[in-house]
């Protein structure tokens, strides 16, 4: 009786493993799409990486409404492929999807990157002015004048106290 149960459990385990094998091979299909930078101006260069061994096959590509089709090239030492695309100069600002076509399979990442109008604001500020404005010069001049007058009054007062 126990032997029959053990054989039945072993058969069920082998059957489950046999059914899971096609699913495991499907994991080699495209699994992830990453676009860098995630915010880009029109005409900018976008680097896209796609995970999955099926993306190593010839003819694999990425597509989007914001750029022309770009061929995926394998990255040495792994199952990741990469492509560089140039965003159209007439692309409208907003979020865009990227679709990877690898070995007959497709994967779409919605809102993978955002196109903006104008340059990307980086770091502190983002101002386009260079140098001081007229208002800055006037305020600075007034502060220097006040410092000179105040220093002169203080120095003259100290000098008169020494005469007493």
N, C-alpha and C. Protein backbone atom coordinates (compact mmCIF):
# COMPACT_ATOMS: atom_id res chain seq x y z
N UNK A 1 0.82 -1.18 0.00
CA UNK A 1 0.00 0.00 0.00
C UNK A 1 0.86 1.25 0.00
N UNK A 2 1.90 1.24 0.84
CA UNK A 2 2.78 2.39 0.91
C UNK A 2 3.57 2.53 -0.38
N UNK A 3 3.96 1.45 -0.97
CA UNK A 3 4.71 1.50 -2.22
C UNK A 3 3.85 2.08 -3.33
N UNK A 4 2.60 1.76 -3.36
CA UNK A 4 1.69 2.28 -4.37
C UNK A 4 1.54 3.79 -4.21
N UNK A 5 1.43 4.25 -2.96
CA UNK A 5 1.33 5.70 -2.71
C UNK A 5 2.61 6.41 -3.15
N UNK A 6 3.74 5.85 -2.83
CA UNK A 6 5.02 6.46 -3.19
C UNK A 6 5.16 6.54 -4.71
N UNK A 7 4.75 5.49 -5.40
CA UNK A 7 4.82 5.49 -6.87
C UNK A 7 3.85 6.54 -7.43
N UNK A 8 2.67 6.66 -6.85
CA UNK A 8 1.68 7.64 -7.31
C UNK A 8 2.18 9.06 -7.09
N UNK A 9 2.79 9.33 -5.94
CA UNK A 9 3.33 10.66 -5.64
C UNK A 9 4.49 10.98 -6.58
N UNK A 10 5.36 10.00 -6.84
CA UNK A 10 6.49 10.20 -7.75
C UNK A 10 5.99 10.47 -9.16
N UNK A 11 4.96 9.74 -9.61
CA UNK A 11 4.40 9.95 -10.94
C UNK A 11 3.78 11.34 -11.05
N UNK A 12 3.10 11.78 -10.01
CA UNK A 12 2.50 13.12 -10.01
C UNK A 12 3.57 14.19 -10.07
N UNK A 13 4.67 14.00 -9.35
CA UNK A 13 5.77 14.97 -9.35
C UNK A 13 6.43 15.04 -10.72
N UNK A 14 6.66 13.88 -11.35
CA UNK A 14 7.26 13.86 -12.69
C UNK A 14 6.31 14.50 -13.69
N UNK A 15 5.03 14.26 -13.56
CA UNK A 15 4.04 14.87 -14.45
C UNK A 15 4.01 16.38 -14.30
N UNK A 16 4.07 16.87 -13.07
CA UNK A 16 4.08 18.32 -12.84
C UNK A 16 5.34 18.95 -13.40
N UNK A 17 6.46 18.26 -13.25
CA UNK A 17 7.73 18.75 -13.80
C UNK A 17 7.67 18.77 -15.33
N UNK A 18 7.07 17.78 -15.92
CA UNK A 18 6.93 17.72 -17.38
C UNK A 18 6.05 18.84 -17.91
N UNK A 19 5.01 19.19 -17.18
CA UNK A 19 4.14 20.28 -17.59
C UNK A 19 4.81 21.65 -17.37
N UNK A 20 5.71 21.76 -16.40
CA UNK A 20 6.37 23.03 -16.11
C UNK A 20 7.52 23.31 -17.06
N UNK A 21 8.06 22.31 -17.75
CA UNK A 21 9.21 22.50 -18.63
C UNK A 21 8.93 23.49 -19.76
N UNK A 22 7.79 23.43 -20.46
CA UNK A 22 7.54 24.44 -21.50
C UNK A 22 7.45 25.85 -20.92
N UNK A 23 6.92 25.97 -19.73
CA UNK A 23 6.84 27.27 -19.09
C UNK A 23 8.22 27.80 -18.76
N UNK A 24 9.12 26.94 -18.31
CA UNK A 24 10.48 27.36 -17.99
C UNK A 24 11.21 27.85 -19.23
N UNK A 25 10.99 27.21 -20.37
CA UNK A 25 11.65 27.68 -21.58
C UNK A 25 11.05 29.01 -22.04
N UNK A 26 9.82 29.31 -21.67
CA UNK A 26 9.21 30.59 -22.04
C UNK A 26 9.85 31.74 -21.27
N UNK A 27 10.49 31.46 -20.14
CA UNK A 27 11.14 32.51 -19.37
C UNK A 27 12.33 33.10 -20.13
N UNK A 28 12.83 32.41 -21.15
CA UNK A 28 13.95 32.92 -21.94
C UNK A 28 13.48 34.01 -22.90
N UNK A 29 12.17 34.15 -23.09
CA UNK A 29 11.64 35.18 -23.96
C UNK A 29 11.86 36.55 -23.33
N UNK A 30 11.61 37.64 -24.02
CA UNK A 30 11.86 38.95 -23.41
C UNK A 30 11.10 39.09 -22.10
N UNK A 31 11.81 39.49 -21.06
CA UNK A 31 11.20 39.60 -19.74
C UNK A 31 11.21 41.01 -19.17
N UNK A 32 12.09 41.88 -19.66
CA UNK A 32 12.18 43.21 -19.08
C UNK A 32 12.73 44.18 -20.13
N UNK A 33 12.21 45.39 -20.13
CA UNK A 33 12.68 46.46 -21.02
C UNK A 33 13.01 47.67 -20.17
N UNK A 34 14.22 48.20 -20.35
CA UNK A 34 14.65 49.39 -19.60
C UNK A 34 15.13 50.44 -20.60
N UNK A 35 14.61 51.66 -20.49
CA UNK A 35 15.02 52.77 -21.35
C UNK A 35 15.77 53.80 -20.51
N UNK A 36 16.94 54.21 -21.01
CA UNK A 36 17.75 55.21 -20.31
C UNK A 36 18.14 56.29 -21.29
N UNK A 37 17.96 57.54 -21.01
CA UNK A 37 17.29 58.10 -19.84
C UNK A 37 15.77 57.95 -19.98
N UNK A 38 15.09 58.06 -18.87
CA UNK A 38 13.64 57.88 -18.90
C UNK A 38 12.92 59.15 -19.35
N UNK A 39 13.61 60.29 -19.29
CA UNK A 39 13.08 61.56 -19.80
C UNK A 39 14.09 62.08 -20.81
N UNK A 40 13.62 62.37 -22.03
CA UNK A 40 14.54 62.71 -23.11
C UNK A 40 13.93 63.78 -24.00
N UNK A 41 14.76 64.71 -24.52
CA UNK A 41 14.23 65.70 -25.46
C UNK A 41 14.14 65.11 -26.86
N UNK A 42 13.40 65.78 -27.72
CA UNK A 42 13.33 65.36 -29.12
C UNK A 42 14.72 65.41 -29.73
N UNK A 43 15.06 64.39 -30.52
CA UNK A 43 16.37 64.31 -31.15
C UNK A 43 17.42 63.67 -30.27
N UNK A 44 17.07 63.29 -29.04
CA UNK A 44 18.01 62.68 -28.11
C UNK A 44 18.24 61.20 -28.40
N UNK A 45 19.36 60.69 -27.88
CA UNK A 45 19.71 59.27 -28.05
C UNK A 45 19.22 58.48 -26.85
N UNK A 46 18.47 57.44 -27.11
CA UNK A 46 17.86 56.60 -26.09
C UNK A 46 18.50 55.23 -26.15
N UNK A 47 18.99 54.74 -25.01
CA UNK A 47 19.56 53.39 -24.93
C UNK A 47 18.54 52.47 -24.28
N UNK A 48 18.22 51.39 -24.97
CA UNK A 48 17.21 50.44 -24.48
C UNK A 48 17.87 49.08 -24.29
N UNK A 49 17.67 48.47 -23.12
CA UNK A 49 18.15 47.11 -22.87
C UNK A 49 16.96 46.20 -22.66
N UNK A 50 17.08 44.98 -23.19
CA UNK A 50 16.01 43.99 -23.09
C UNK A 50 16.62 42.70 -22.55
N UNK A 51 16.00 42.13 -21.52
CA UNK A 51 16.44 40.86 -20.95
C UNK A 51 15.73 39.71 -21.65
N UNK A 52 16.48 38.64 -21.90
CA UNK A 52 15.91 37.44 -22.51
C UNK A 52 16.84 36.89 -23.57
N UNK A 53 17.09 35.58 -23.51
CA UNK A 53 18.02 34.96 -24.46
C UNK A 53 17.47 34.96 -25.88
N UNK A 54 16.16 35.03 -26.05
CA UNK A 54 15.61 35.07 -27.41
C UNK A 54 15.96 36.37 -28.12
N UNK A 55 16.34 37.40 -27.36
CA UNK A 55 16.72 38.68 -27.97
C UNK A 55 18.13 38.64 -28.52
N UNK A 56 18.85 37.55 -28.32
CA UNK A 56 20.19 37.37 -28.89
C UNK A 56 20.11 36.95 -30.35
N UNK A 57 18.94 36.51 -30.80
CA UNK A 57 18.80 36.00 -32.17
C UNK A 57 18.80 37.14 -33.18
N UNK A 58 19.30 36.84 -34.40
CA UNK A 58 19.32 37.87 -35.45
C UNK A 58 17.89 38.32 -35.79
N UNK A 59 17.74 39.57 -36.10
CA UNK A 59 16.42 40.11 -36.45
C UNK A 59 15.66 40.65 -35.27
N UNK A 60 16.19 40.54 -34.06
CA UNK A 60 15.52 41.09 -32.89
C UNK A 60 15.61 42.61 -32.95
N UNK A 61 14.52 43.28 -32.56
CA UNK A 61 14.48 44.73 -32.66
C UNK A 61 13.53 45.32 -31.63
N UNK A 62 13.63 46.65 -31.48
CA UNK A 62 12.70 47.39 -30.64
C UNK A 62 11.97 48.39 -31.52
N UNK A 63 10.72 48.66 -31.18
CA UNK A 63 9.92 49.61 -31.94
C UNK A 63 9.19 50.55 -31.00
N UNK A 64 8.88 51.74 -31.51
CA UNK A 64 8.09 52.73 -30.78
C UNK A 64 7.61 53.77 -31.78
N UNK A 65 6.58 54.50 -31.42
CA UNK A 65 6.10 55.58 -32.28
C UNK A 65 7.04 56.77 -32.24
N UNK A 66 7.92 56.84 -31.24
CA UNK A 66 8.79 58.00 -31.06
C UNK A 66 10.11 57.88 -31.83
N UNK A 67 10.47 56.67 -32.29
CA UNK A 67 11.73 56.49 -33.02
C UNK A 67 11.59 55.39 -34.06
N UNK A 68 12.54 55.36 -34.99
CA UNK A 68 12.56 54.30 -36.02
C UNK A 68 12.99 52.99 -35.38
N UNK A 69 12.65 51.87 -36.02
CA UNK A 69 13.04 50.56 -35.50
C UNK A 69 14.55 50.51 -35.30
N UNK A 70 14.98 49.86 -34.21
CA UNK A 70 16.40 49.73 -33.90
C UNK A 70 16.71 48.27 -33.64
N UNK A 71 17.81 47.78 -34.22
CA UNK A 71 18.22 46.38 -34.04
C UNK A 71 18.85 46.19 -32.66
N UNK A 72 18.51 45.06 -32.04
CA UNK A 72 19.11 44.70 -30.76
C UNK A 72 20.43 43.99 -30.99
N UNK A 73 21.44 44.33 -30.19
CA UNK A 73 22.75 43.68 -30.25
C UNK A 73 23.02 43.04 -28.90
N UNK A 74 23.52 41.82 -28.92
CA UNK A 74 23.75 41.10 -27.67
C UNK A 74 24.88 41.74 -26.87
N UNK A 75 24.73 41.69 -25.56
CA UNK A 75 25.76 42.16 -24.64
C UNK A 75 26.51 40.94 -24.16
N UNK A 76 27.83 40.98 -24.27
CA UNK A 76 28.66 39.81 -23.94
C UNK A 76 28.46 39.37 -22.50
N UNK A 77 28.44 38.08 -22.29
CA UNK A 77 28.40 37.50 -20.95
C UNK A 77 27.04 37.45 -20.31
N UNK A 78 25.96 37.45 -21.08
CA UNK A 78 24.66 37.39 -20.45
C UNK A 78 23.55 37.17 -21.46
N UNK A 79 22.33 37.33 -21.01
CA UNK A 79 21.17 37.15 -21.87
C UNK A 79 20.48 38.48 -22.13
N UNK A 80 21.25 39.57 -22.10
CA UNK A 80 20.70 40.90 -22.29
C UNK A 80 21.14 41.44 -23.64
N UNK A 81 20.24 42.14 -24.32
CA UNK A 81 20.55 42.79 -25.59
C UNK A 81 20.28 44.28 -25.45
N UNK A 82 20.94 45.07 -26.29
CA UNK A 82 20.84 46.52 -26.20
C UNK A 82 20.70 47.14 -27.58
N UNK A 83 20.05 48.30 -27.64
CA UNK A 83 19.92 49.06 -28.88
C UNK A 83 19.92 50.54 -28.54
N UNK A 84 20.39 51.36 -29.49
CA UNK A 84 20.35 52.81 -29.33
C UNK A 84 19.43 53.37 -30.40
N UNK A 85 18.51 54.21 -29.99
CA UNK A 85 17.55 54.81 -30.91
C UNK A 85 17.60 56.33 -30.77
N UNK A 86 17.31 57.02 -31.87
CA UNK A 86 17.25 58.48 -31.87
C UNK A 86 15.78 58.89 -31.94
N UNK A 87 15.36 59.68 -30.96
CA UNK A 87 13.96 60.12 -30.90
C UNK A 87 13.71 61.10 -32.05
N UNK A 88 12.58 60.91 -32.73
CA UNK A 88 12.23 61.78 -33.85
C UNK A 88 12.16 63.24 -33.40
N UNK A 89 12.60 64.15 -34.28
CA UNK A 89 12.55 65.58 -33.94
C UNK A 89 11.12 66.10 -33.94
N UNK A 90 10.20 65.38 -34.55
CA UNK A 90 8.80 65.79 -34.59
C UNK A 90 7.94 65.03 -33.57
N UNK A 91 8.56 64.29 -32.66
CA UNK A 91 7.80 63.54 -31.65
C UNK A 91 7.09 64.51 -30.71
N UNK A 92 5.85 64.20 -30.40
CA UNK A 92 5.07 65.04 -29.49
C UNK A 92 5.48 64.75 -28.05
N UNK A 93 5.49 65.76 -27.19
CA UNK A 93 5.81 65.51 -25.78
C UNK A 93 4.80 64.53 -25.17
N UNK A 94 5.29 63.66 -24.31
CA UNK A 94 4.43 62.70 -23.63
C UNK A 94 5.14 61.36 -23.45
N UNK A 95 4.41 60.42 -22.86
CA UNK A 95 4.96 59.08 -22.58
C UNK A 95 4.78 58.18 -23.80
N UNK A 96 5.78 57.33 -24.05
CA UNK A 96 5.76 56.42 -25.18
C UNK A 96 6.06 54.99 -24.73
N UNK A 97 5.43 54.02 -25.42
CA UNK A 97 5.67 52.60 -25.18
C UNK A 97 6.86 52.14 -26.01
N UNK A 98 7.49 51.05 -25.56
CA UNK A 98 8.52 50.37 -26.34
C UNK A 98 8.11 48.91 -26.45
N UNK A 99 8.22 48.35 -27.67
CA UNK A 99 7.92 46.95 -27.90
C UNK A 99 9.19 46.25 -28.38
N UNK A 100 9.53 45.13 -27.74
CA UNK A 100 10.67 44.32 -28.15
C UNK A 100 10.15 43.13 -28.93
N UNK A 101 10.74 42.89 -30.10
CA UNK A 101 10.40 41.75 -30.97
C UNK A 101 11.60 40.82 -30.97
N UNK A 102 11.51 39.71 -30.26
CA UNK A 102 12.65 38.79 -30.10
C UNK A 102 12.22 37.36 -30.38
N UNK A 103 12.82 36.75 -31.40
CA UNK A 103 12.58 35.34 -31.69
C UNK A 103 11.13 34.98 -31.86
N UNK A 104 10.34 35.84 -32.47
CA UNK A 104 8.93 35.57 -32.69
C UNK A 104 8.04 35.95 -31.52
N UNK A 105 8.60 36.39 -30.43
CA UNK A 105 7.83 36.81 -29.25
C UNK A 105 7.92 38.33 -29.12
N UNK A 106 6.92 38.93 -28.51
CA UNK A 106 6.94 40.38 -28.28
C UNK A 106 6.67 40.68 -26.82
N UNK A 107 7.22 41.80 -26.38
CA UNK A 107 6.98 42.31 -25.03
C UNK A 107 6.88 43.82 -25.15
N UNK A 108 5.82 44.39 -24.59
CA UNK A 108 5.62 45.84 -24.62
C UNK A 108 5.72 46.40 -23.22
N UNK A 109 6.50 47.45 -23.08
CA UNK A 109 6.56 48.17 -21.80
C UNK A 109 5.84 49.49 -21.98
N UNK A 110 4.68 49.65 -21.35
CA UNK A 110 3.94 50.90 -21.50
C UNK A 110 4.65 52.05 -20.78
N UNK A 111 4.58 53.22 -21.37
CA UNK A 111 5.17 54.44 -20.79
C UNK A 111 6.62 54.21 -20.38
N UNK A 112 7.42 53.64 -21.27
CA UNK A 112 8.81 53.31 -20.96
C UNK A 112 9.69 54.55 -20.84
N UNK A 113 9.35 55.61 -21.58
CA UNK A 113 10.12 56.85 -21.51
C UNK A 113 9.20 58.01 -21.86
N UNK A 114 9.66 59.22 -21.54
CA UNK A 114 8.88 60.42 -21.77
C UNK A 114 9.67 61.39 -22.64
N UNK A 115 9.04 61.89 -23.68
CA UNK A 115 9.65 62.90 -24.54
C UNK A 115 9.17 64.26 -24.04
N UNK A 116 10.13 65.19 -23.92
CA UNK A 116 9.79 66.54 -23.48
C UNK A 116 10.16 67.54 -24.56
N UNK A 117 9.57 68.71 -24.47
CA UNK A 117 9.87 69.79 -25.41
C UNK A 117 11.03 70.60 -24.82
N UNK A 118 12.12 70.76 -25.55
CA UNK A 118 13.27 71.50 -25.06
C UNK A 118 14.28 70.57 -24.41
N UNK A 119 15.25 71.16 -23.72
CA UNK A 119 16.32 70.39 -23.10
C UNK A 119 15.91 69.77 -21.79
N UNK A 120 16.68 68.83 -21.34
CA UNK A 120 16.44 68.18 -20.06
C UNK A 120 17.05 69.06 -18.97
N UNK A 121 16.28 69.30 -17.93
CA UNK A 121 16.77 70.12 -16.84
C UNK A 121 17.62 69.24 -15.93
N UNK A 122 18.89 69.58 -15.79
CA UNK A 122 19.79 68.75 -15.00
C UNK A 122 20.44 69.54 -13.88
N UNK A 123 20.54 68.94 -12.73
CA UNK A 123 21.21 69.58 -11.61
C UNK A 123 20.40 70.69 -11.00
N UNK A 124 21.09 71.56 -10.27
CA UNK A 124 20.43 72.70 -9.63
C UNK A 124 20.20 73.79 -10.66
N UNK A 125 19.12 74.50 -10.51
CA UNK A 125 18.88 75.67 -11.36
C UNK A 125 18.15 75.31 -12.61
N UNK A 126 18.87 75.31 -13.71
CA UNK A 126 18.24 75.10 -14.99
C UNK A 126 18.01 76.41 -15.72
N UNK A 127 18.59 77.49 -15.20
CA UNK A 127 18.42 78.81 -15.79
C UNK A 127 19.21 78.92 -17.08
N UNK A 128 18.70 79.72 -18.01
CA UNK A 128 19.41 79.94 -19.27
C UNK A 128 20.17 81.25 -19.26
N UNK A 129 19.99 82.08 -18.23
CA UNK A 129 20.74 83.34 -18.15
C UNK A 129 22.16 83.07 -17.74
N UNK A 130 23.09 83.85 -18.30
CA UNK A 130 24.48 83.72 -17.87
C UNK A 130 24.94 85.07 -17.38
N UNK A 131 25.52 85.11 -16.20
CA UNK A 131 25.99 86.37 -15.63
C UNK A 131 24.91 87.07 -14.83
N UNK A 132 25.31 88.21 -14.27
CA UNK A 132 24.39 88.98 -13.42
C UNK A 132 23.49 89.87 -14.27
N UNK A 133 22.27 90.05 -13.82
CA UNK A 133 21.34 90.95 -14.49
C UNK A 133 21.54 92.37 -13.98
N UNK A 134 20.89 93.33 -14.58
CA UNK A 134 20.99 94.72 -14.15
C UNK A 134 20.52 94.91 -12.73
N UNK A 135 19.47 94.20 -12.35
CA UNK A 135 18.95 94.30 -10.98
C UNK A 135 19.97 93.76 -9.98
N UNK A 136 20.61 92.65 -10.32
CA UNK A 136 21.64 92.09 -9.44
C UNK A 136 22.78 93.08 -9.25
N UNK A 137 23.18 93.76 -10.31
CA UNK A 137 24.27 94.73 -10.23
C UNK A 137 23.88 95.92 -9.35
N UNK A 138 22.64 96.39 -9.48
CA UNK A 138 22.18 97.53 -8.68
C UNK A 138 22.14 97.18 -7.20
N UNK A 139 21.63 96.00 -6.88
CA UNK A 139 21.57 95.58 -5.47
C UNK A 139 22.97 95.42 -4.90
N UNK A 140 23.85 94.78 -5.66
CA UNK A 140 25.24 94.60 -5.20
C UNK A 140 25.94 95.94 -5.00
N UNK A 141 25.75 96.88 -5.93
CA UNK A 141 26.36 98.21 -5.79
C UNK A 141 25.85 98.95 -4.56
N UNK A 142 24.53 98.84 -4.30
CA UNK A 142 23.96 99.49 -3.12
C UNK A 142 24.52 98.90 -1.84
N UNK A 143 24.71 97.60 -1.78
CA UNK A 143 25.27 96.96 -0.59
C UNK A 143 26.73 97.37 -0.36
N UNK A 144 27.52 97.46 -1.42
CA UNK A 144 28.92 97.88 -1.30
C UNK A 144 28.98 99.33 -0.83
N UNK A 145 28.14 100.20 -1.38
CA UNK A 145 28.11 101.61 -0.97
C UNK A 145 27.73 101.72 0.50
N UNK A 146 26.71 100.98 0.93
CA UNK A 146 26.29 101.02 2.33
C UNK A 146 27.41 100.55 3.25
N UNK A 147 28.14 99.54 2.83
CA UNK A 147 29.25 99.03 3.64
C UNK A 147 30.37 100.07 3.74
N UNK A 148 30.67 100.75 2.66
CA UNK A 148 31.71 101.78 2.69
C UNK A 148 31.31 102.95 3.56
N UNK A 149 30.08 103.42 3.44
CA UNK A 149 29.60 104.54 4.26
C UNK A 149 29.59 104.14 5.73
N UNK A 150 29.08 102.95 6.03
CA UNK A 150 29.03 102.51 7.42
C UNK A 150 30.42 102.35 8.00
N UNK A 151 31.34 101.78 7.23
CA UNK A 151 32.72 101.63 7.70
C UNK A 151 33.40 102.97 7.92
N UNK A 152 33.15 103.92 7.01
CA UNK A 152 33.73 105.26 7.15
C UNK A 152 33.21 105.97 8.38
N UNK A 153 31.91 105.91 8.63
CA UNK A 153 31.32 106.54 9.82
C UNK A 153 31.90 105.92 11.08
N UNK A 154 32.02 104.59 11.12
CA UNK A 154 32.57 103.92 12.29
C UNK A 154 34.02 104.33 12.52
N UNK A 155 34.83 104.42 11.45
CA UNK A 155 36.23 104.77 11.57
C UNK A 155 36.39 106.22 12.04
N UNK A 156 35.58 107.14 11.50
CA UNK A 156 35.66 108.54 11.91
C UNK A 156 35.24 108.71 13.36
N UNK A 157 34.25 107.98 13.82
CA UNK A 157 33.79 108.06 15.20
C UNK A 157 34.87 107.57 16.16
N UNK A 158 35.53 106.47 15.81
CA UNK A 158 36.61 105.94 16.64
C UNK A 158 37.76 106.94 16.72
N UNK A 159 38.03 107.63 15.62
CA UNK A 159 39.14 108.58 15.56
C UNK A 159 38.87 109.79 16.45
N UNK A 160 37.59 110.22 16.50
CA UNK A 160 37.26 111.38 17.35
C UNK A 160 37.29 111.01 18.82
N UNK A 161 37.02 109.76 19.16
CA UNK A 161 37.06 109.34 20.55
C UNK A 161 38.51 109.34 21.08
N UNK A 162 39.49 109.08 20.23
CA UNK A 162 40.89 109.05 20.65
C UNK A 162 41.40 110.45 21.01
N UNK A 163 40.80 111.50 20.49
CA UNK A 163 41.24 112.88 20.75
C UNK A 163 40.79 113.35 22.13
N UNK A 164 39.85 112.73 22.74
CA UNK A 164 39.35 113.19 24.02
C UNK A 164 40.27 112.83 25.14
